[in-house]
């Protein structure tokens, strides 16, 4: 996980008991497809770094990029940030990768959410619009509003501070197992 600094915010960590000045981002180190590979498959068919992941199966290559999603918190003046992964088409992945170091690059792509988030059931992936941003910031994703899923509803309606802190504590607890 990484931390984003906000002034005058306090968060008591459920693991270490310390008070931090900001909420942590809920970050995933890899897309679920990579996480679910065997160690042998990770070595032989996959490539991953902090921003890109490719998995080369016999019949297809899956391509993923690291992104952020900002979840509105209704009763607090800080948002909850996620560090997630989305899959992109070969064309979109190639364009994003070719412009990765171009600080003036702005574009949008269609992608699929590629992480399974706690407390949500996923029978299929959620479609996302991926916004590449100027300044070499990680792209931000926005779920398609017409997609019927509780995560999409939470994104557009916002969540409570209590729910945000519950998610943070759960992620911290799960990351120490």
C-alpha atoms as a PDB file:
ATOM      1  CA  UNK A   1       0.000   0.000   0.000  1.00  0.00           C
ATOM      2  CA  UNK A   2       1.093   3.581  -0.430  1.00  0.00           C
ATOM      3  CA  UNK A   3       0.107   6.676   1.500  1.00  0.00           C
ATOM      4  CA  UNK A   4      -1.179   9.993   0.225  1.00  0.00           C
ATOM      5  CA  UNK A   5      -0.603  12.970   2.479  1.00  0.00           C
ATOM      6  CA  UNK A   6      -3.572  15.102   3.514  1.00  0.00           C
ATOM      7  CA  UNK A   7      -3.413  17.897   6.078  1.00  0.00           C
ATOM      8  CA  UNK A   8      -5.270  17.694   9.400  1.00  0.00           C
ATOM      9  CA  UNK A   9      -6.584  14.159   8.876  1.00  0.00           C
ATOM     10  CA  UNK A  10      -6.207  11.425  11.447  1.00  0.00           C
ATOM     11  CA  UNK A  11      -6.472   7.688  10.948  1.00  0.00           C
ATOM     12  CA  UNK A  12      -5.799   5.096  13.630  1.00  0.00           C
ATOM     13  CA  UNK A  13      -4.349   1.963  12.047  1.00  0.00           C
ATOM     14  CA  UNK A  14      -6.083  -1.233  13.160  1.00  0.00           C
ATOM     15  CA  UNK A  15      -2.815  -3.195  12.811  1.00  0.00           C
ATOM     16  CA  UNK A  16      -0.128  -1.000  14.363  1.00  0.00           C
ATOM     17  CA  UNK A  17      -2.361   1.186  16.537  1.00  0.00           C
ATOM     18  CA  UNK A  18      -0.518   4.315  15.405  1.00  0.00           C
ATOM     19  CA  UNK A  19      -2.250   7.500  14.299  1.00  0.00           C
ATOM     20  CA  UNK A  20      -1.473   8.444  10.707  1.00  0.00           C
ATOM     21  CA  UNK A  21      -2.159  11.799   9.115  1.00  0.00           C
ATOM     22  CA  UNK A  22      -3.970  10.344   6.105  1.00  0.00           C
ATOM     23  CA  UNK A  23      -5.819   7.300   4.840  1.00  0.00           C
ATOM     24  CA  UNK A  24      -3.800   4.748   2.907  1.00  0.00           C
ATOM     25  CA  UNK A  25      -4.706   3.994  -0.690  1.00  0.00           C
ATOM     26  CA  UNK A  26      -6.107   0.487  -1.091  1.00  0.00           C
ATOM     27  CA  UNK A  27      -3.550  -0.823  -3.565  1.00  0.00           C
ATOM     28  CA  UNK A  28      -3.207  -4.133  -5.354  1.00  0.00           C
ATOM     29  CA  UNK A  29       0.250  -5.301  -6.475  1.00  0.00           C
ATOM     30  CA  UNK A  30      -1.085  -7.161  -9.501  1.00  0.00           C
ATOM     31  CA  UNK A  31      -4.232  -7.900 -11.472  1.00  0.00           C
ATOM     32  CA  UNK A  32      -6.191 -10.902 -10.190  1.00  0.00           C
ATOM     33  CA  UNK A  33      -5.273 -12.885 -13.324  1.00  0.00           C
ATOM     34  CA  UNK A  34      -1.573 -12.614 -12.433  1.00  0.00           C
ATOM     35  CA  UNK A  35      -2.165 -13.274  -8.738  1.00  0.00           C
ATOM     36  CA  UNK A  36      -3.988 -16.515  -9.597  1.00  0.00           C
ATOM     37  CA  UNK A  37      -1.124 -17.913 -11.717  1.00  0.00           C
ATOM     38  CA  UNK A  38       1.107 -20.644 -10.336  1.00  0.00           C
ATOM     39  CA  UNK A  39       4.699 -19.663  -9.522  1.00  0.00           C
ATOM     40  CA  UNK A  40       5.825 -21.540 -12.624  1.00  0.00           C
ATOM     41  CA  UNK A  41       3.330 -19.663 -14.814  1.00  0.00           C
ATOM     42  CA  UNK A  42       4.436 -16.325 -13.336  1.00  0.00           C
ATOM     43  CA  UNK A  43       7.997 -17.112 -14.416  1.00  0.00           C
ATOM     44  CA  UNK A  44       7.217 -18.571 -17.838  1.00  0.00           C
ATOM     45  CA  UNK A  45       4.211 -16.725 -19.269  1.00  0.00           C
ATOM     46  CA  UNK A  46       3.974 -13.411 -17.409  1.00  0.00           C
ATOM     47  CA  UNK A  47       5.831 -10.112 -17.185  1.00  0.00           C
ATOM     48  CA  UNK A  48       4.978  -7.530 -14.527  1.00  0.00           C
ATOM     49  CA  UNK A  49       6.392  -4.287 -13.158  1.00  0.00           C
ATOM     50  CA  UNK A  50       4.878  -1.385 -11.201  1.00  0.00           C
ATOM     51  CA  UNK A  51       2.802  -0.165 -14.155  1.00  0.00           C
ATOM     52  CA  UNK A  52       2.368  -2.946 -16.722  1.00  0.00           C
ATOM     53  CA  UNK A  53       1.512  -6.638 -16.767  1.00  0.00           C
ATOM     54  CA  UNK A  54       1.315  -9.069 -19.685  1.00  0.00           C
ATOM     55  CA  UNK A  55       0.264 -12.704 -19.552  1.00  0.00           C
ATOM     56  CA  UNK A  56       0.971 -14.722 -22.700  1.00  0.00           C
ATOM     57  CA  UNK A  57      -1.295 -17.745 -22.905  1.00  0.00           C
ATOM     58  CA  UNK A  58      -1.141 -20.130 -25.883  1.00  0.00           C
ATOM     59  CA  UNK A  59      -4.221 -18.596 -27.505  1.00  0.00           C
ATOM     60  CA  UNK A  60      -4.081 -14.956 -26.344  1.00  0.00           C
ATOM     61  CA  UNK A  61      -2.135 -12.267 -24.544  1.00  0.00           C
ATOM     62  CA  UNK A  62      -3.809 -10.375 -21.708  1.00  0.00           C
ATOM     63  CA  UNK A  63      -2.539  -6.835 -21.058  1.00  0.00           C
ATOM     64  CA  UNK A  64      -3.029  -4.792 -17.893  1.00  0.00           C
ATOM     65  CA  UNK A  65      -2.076  -1.348 -16.610  1.00  0.00           C
ATOM     66  CA  UNK A  66      -2.070   0.079 -13.112  1.00  0.00           C
ATOM     67  CA  UNK A  67      -4.646   2.813 -12.457  1.00  0.00           C
ATOM     68  CA  UNK A  68      -6.364   4.701  -9.656  1.00  0.00           C
ATOM     69  CA  UNK A  69     -10.011   4.961  -8.717  1.00  0.00           C
ATOM     70  CA  UNK A  70     -11.189   7.722  -6.392  1.00  0.00           C
ATOM     71  CA  UNK A  71     -14.211   6.798  -4.263  1.00  0.00           C
ATOM     72  CA  UNK A  72     -16.260   9.698  -2.907  1.00  0.00           C
ATOM     73  CA  UNK A  73     -16.827   9.634   0.859  1.00  0.00           C
ATOM     74  CA  UNK A  74     -20.077  11.466   1.598  1.00  0.00           C
ATOM     75  CA  UNK A  75     -19.644  12.542   5.194  1.00  0.00           C
ATOM     76  CA  UNK A  76     -15.937  13.357   5.185  1.00  0.00           C
ATOM     77  CA  UNK A  77     -13.700  15.741   3.259  1.00  0.00           C
ATOM     78  CA  UNK A  78     -11.250  13.064   2.122  1.00  0.00           C
ATOM     79  CA  UNK A  79     -11.828  10.511  -0.622  1.00  0.00           C
ATOM     80  CA  UNK A  80     -10.816   6.858  -0.551  1.00  0.00           C
ATOM     81  CA  UNK A  81      -8.286   5.951  -3.227  1.00  0.00           C
ATOM     82  CA  UNK A  82      -7.768   2.570  -4.823  1.00  0.00           C
ATOM     83  CA  UNK A  83      -4.681   1.423  -6.721  1.00  0.00           C
ATOM     84  CA  UNK A  84      -6.157  -1.073  -9.173  1.00  0.00           C
ATOM     85  CA  UNK A  85      -5.455  -2.767 -12.495  1.00  0.00           C
ATOM     86  CA  UNK A  86      -7.510  -2.802 -15.693  1.00  0.00           C
ATOM     87  CA  UNK A  87      -7.166  -4.890 -18.819  1.00  0.00           C
ATOM     88  CA  UNK A  88      -6.874  -3.081 -22.127  1.00  0.00           C
ATOM     89  CA  UNK A  89      -7.086  -4.136 -25.743  1.00  0.00           C
ATOM     90  CA  UNK A  90      -3.780  -4.591 -27.566  1.00  0.00           C
ATOM     91  CA  UNK A  91      -4.300  -1.296 -29.442  1.00  0.00           C
ATOM     92  CA  UNK A  92      -5.038   0.718 -26.272  1.00  0.00           C
ATOM     93  CA  UNK A  93      -2.234  -0.960 -24.310  1.00  0.00           C
ATOM     94  CA  UNK A  94       0.265  -0.250 -27.091  1.00  0.00           C
ATOM     95  CA  UNK A  95      -0.819   3.406 -27.303  1.00  0.00           C
ATOM     96  CA  UNK A  96      -0.630   3.888 -23.533  1.00  0.00           C
ATOM     97  CA  UNK A  97       2.752   2.162 -23.319  1.00  0.00           C
ATOM     98  CA  UNK A  98       4.151   4.171 -26.247  1.00  0.00           C
ATOM     99  CA  UNK A  99       3.116   7.411 -24.524  1.00  0.00           C
ATOM    100  CA  UNK A 100       3.971   6.361 -20.974  1.00  0.00           C
ATOM    101  CA  UNK A 101       6.793   8.909 -20.624  1.00  0.00           C
ATOM    102  CA  UNK A 102       4.991  11.653 -22.568  1.00  0.00           C
ATOM    103  CA  UNK A 103       3.940  14.174 -19.923  1.00  0.00           C
ATOM    104  CA  UNK A 104       1.496  15.820 -22.379  1.00  0.00           C
ATOM    105  CA  UNK A 105      -0.346  12.609 -23.268  1.00  0.00           C
ATOM    106  CA  UNK A 106      -4.083  12.590 -22.596  1.00  0.00           C
ATOM    107  CA  UNK A 107      -6.385   9.915 -23.919  1.00  0.00           C
ATOM    108  CA  UNK A 108      -9.219   7.690 -22.848  1.00  0.00           C
ATOM    109  CA  UNK A 109      -9.516   3.952 -23.288  1.00  0.00           C
ATOM    110  CA  UNK A 110     -12.047   1.231 -22.633  1.00  0.00           C
ATOM    111  CA  UNK A 111     -10.933  -1.271 -19.998  1.00  0.00           C
ATOM    112  CA  UNK A 112     -12.163  -3.970 -17.648  1.00  0.00           C
ATOM    113  CA  UNK A 113     -11.634  -3.891 -13.885  1.00  0.00           C
ATOM    114  CA  UNK A 114      -9.100  -6.636 -13.144  1.00  0.00           C
ATOM    115  CA  UNK A 115      -9.156  -6.868  -9.352  1.00  0.00           C
ATOM    116  CA  UNK A 116     -11.770  -8.467  -7.135  1.00  0.00           C
ATOM    117  CA  UNK A 117     -12.644  -6.176  -4.273  1.00  0.00           C
ATOM    118  CA  UNK A 118     -13.662  -7.460  -0.834  1.00  0.00           C
ATOM    119  CA  UNK A 119     -17.377  -7.439   0.028  1.00  0.00           C
ATOM    120  CA  UNK A 120     -18.481  -7.422  -3.608  1.00  0.00           C
ATOM    121  CA  UNK A 121     -19.545 -10.408  -5.685  1.00  0.00           C
ATOM    122  CA  UNK A 122     -18.095 -10.495  -9.188  1.00  0.00           C
ATOM    123  CA  UNK A 123     -19.746 -12.763 -11.726  1.00  0.00           C
ATOM    124  CA  UNK A 124     -18.189 -10.648 -14.467  1.00  0.00           C
ATOM    125  CA  UNK A 125     -15.776  -7.767 -14.727  1.00  0.00           C
ATOM    126  CA  UNK A 126     -16.922  -4.147 -14.588  1.00  0.00           C
ATOM    127  CA  UNK A 127     -16.423  -1.980 -17.697  1.00  0.00           C
ATOM    128  CA  UNK A 128     -14.357   1.144 -17.088  1.00  0.00           C
ATOM    129  CA  UNK A 129     -13.313   4.271 -18.908  1.00  0.00           C
ATOM    130  CA  UNK A 130      -9.593   4.821 -18.393  1.00  0.00           C
ATOM    131  CA  UNK A 131      -8.375   8.427 -18.506  1.00  0.00           C
ATOM    132  CA  UNK A 132      -4.656   8.858 -19.194  1.00  0.00           C
ATOM    133  CA  UNK A 133      -3.643  12.127 -17.540  1.00  0.00           C
ATOM    134  CA  UNK A 134      -1.088  14.810 -18.297  1.00  0.00           C
ATOM    135  CA  UNK A 135       1.949  14.971 -16.070  1.00  0.00           C
ATOM    136  CA  UNK A 136       2.625  11.221 -16.121  1.00  0.00           C
ATOM    137  CA  UNK A 137       0.135  10.589 -13.331  1.00  0.00           C
ATOM    138  CA  UNK A 138      -1.425   7.147 -13.165  1.00  0.00           C
ATOM    139  CA  UNK A 139      -4.598   6.937 -15.229  1.00  0.00           C
ATOM    140  CA  UNK A 140      -7.877   7.369 -13.389  1.00  0.00           C
ATOM    141  CA  UNK A 141     -10.753   4.978 -14.030  1.00  0.00           C
ATOM    142  CA  UNK A 142     -14.486   5.569 -13.900  1.00  0.00           C
ATOM    143  CA  UNK A 143     -17.004   2.707 -14.007  1.00  0.00           C
ATOM    144  CA  UNK A 144     -19.670   2.776 -16.686  1.00  0.00           C
ATOM    145  CA  UNK A 145     -22.741   4.161 -14.921  1.00  0.00           C
ATOM    146  CA  UNK A 146     -25.201   1.908 -16.759  1.00  0.00           C
ATOM    147  CA  UNK A 147     -23.489  -1.265 -15.512  1.00  0.00           C
ATOM    148  CA  UNK A 148     -25.656  -2.771 -12.769  1.00  0.00           C
ATOM    149  CA  UNK A 149     -23.361  -3.667  -9.861  1.00  0.00           C
ATOM    150  CA  UNK A 150     -23.183  -2.618  -6.174  1.00  0.00           C
ATOM    151  CA  UNK A 151     -19.613  -1.318  -6.638  1.00  0.00           C
ATOM    152  CA  UNK A 152     -20.782   0.971  -9.458  1.00  0.00           C
ATOM    153  CA  UNK A 153     -23.686   2.187  -7.307  1.00  0.00           C
ATOM    154  CA  UNK A 154     -21.277   2.909  -4.430  1.00  0.00           C
ATOM    155  CA  UNK A 155     -18.951   4.764  -6.790  1.00  0.00           C
ATOM    156  CA  UNK A 156     -21.693   7.106  -7.999  1.00  0.00           C
ATOM    157  CA  UNK A 157     -23.611   7.442  -4.709  1.00  0.00           C
ATOM    158  CA  UNK A 158     -20.572   7.628  -2.425  1.00  0.00           C
ATOM    159  CA  UNK A 159     -19.880   5.725   0.764  1.00  0.00           C
ATOM    160  CA  UNK A 160     -19.791   6.753   4.426  1.00  0.00           C
ATOM    161  CA  UNK A 161     -16.653   7.533   6.416  1.00  0.00           C
ATOM    162  CA  UNK A 162     -17.436   4.485   8.549  1.00  0.00           C
ATOM    163  CA  UNK A 163     -17.569   2.263   5.442  1.00  0.00           C
ATOM    164  CA  UNK A 164     -14.317   3.754   4.078  1.00  0.00           C
ATOM    165  CA  UNK A 165     -12.517   3.084   7.361  1.00  0.00           C
ATOM    166  CA  UNK A 166     -13.949  -0.454   7.508  1.00  0.00           C
ATOM    167  CA  UNK A 167     -12.504  -1.100   4.029  1.00  0.00           C
ATOM    168  CA  UNK A 168      -9.124   0.325   5.060  1.00  0.00           C
ATOM    169  CA  UNK A 169      -8.963  -1.811   8.216  1.00  0.00           C
ATOM    170  CA  UNK A 170      -9.989  -4.910   6.262  1.00  0.00           C
ATOM    171  CA  UNK A 171      -7.340  -4.297   3.577  1.00  0.00           C
ATOM    172  CA  UNK A 172      -4.633  -3.738   6.199  1.00  0.00           C
ATOM    173  CA  UNK A 173      -5.685  -6.877   8.041  1.00  0.00           C
ATOM    174  CA  UNK A 174      -5.681  -8.946   4.820  1.00  0.00           C
ATOM    175  CA  UNK A 175      -2.279  -7.613   3.740  1.00  0.00           C
ATOM    176  CA  UNK A 176      -0.622  -8.833   6.927  1.00  0.00           C
ATOM    177  CA  UNK A 177      -1.806 -12.428   6.569  1.00  0.00           C
END
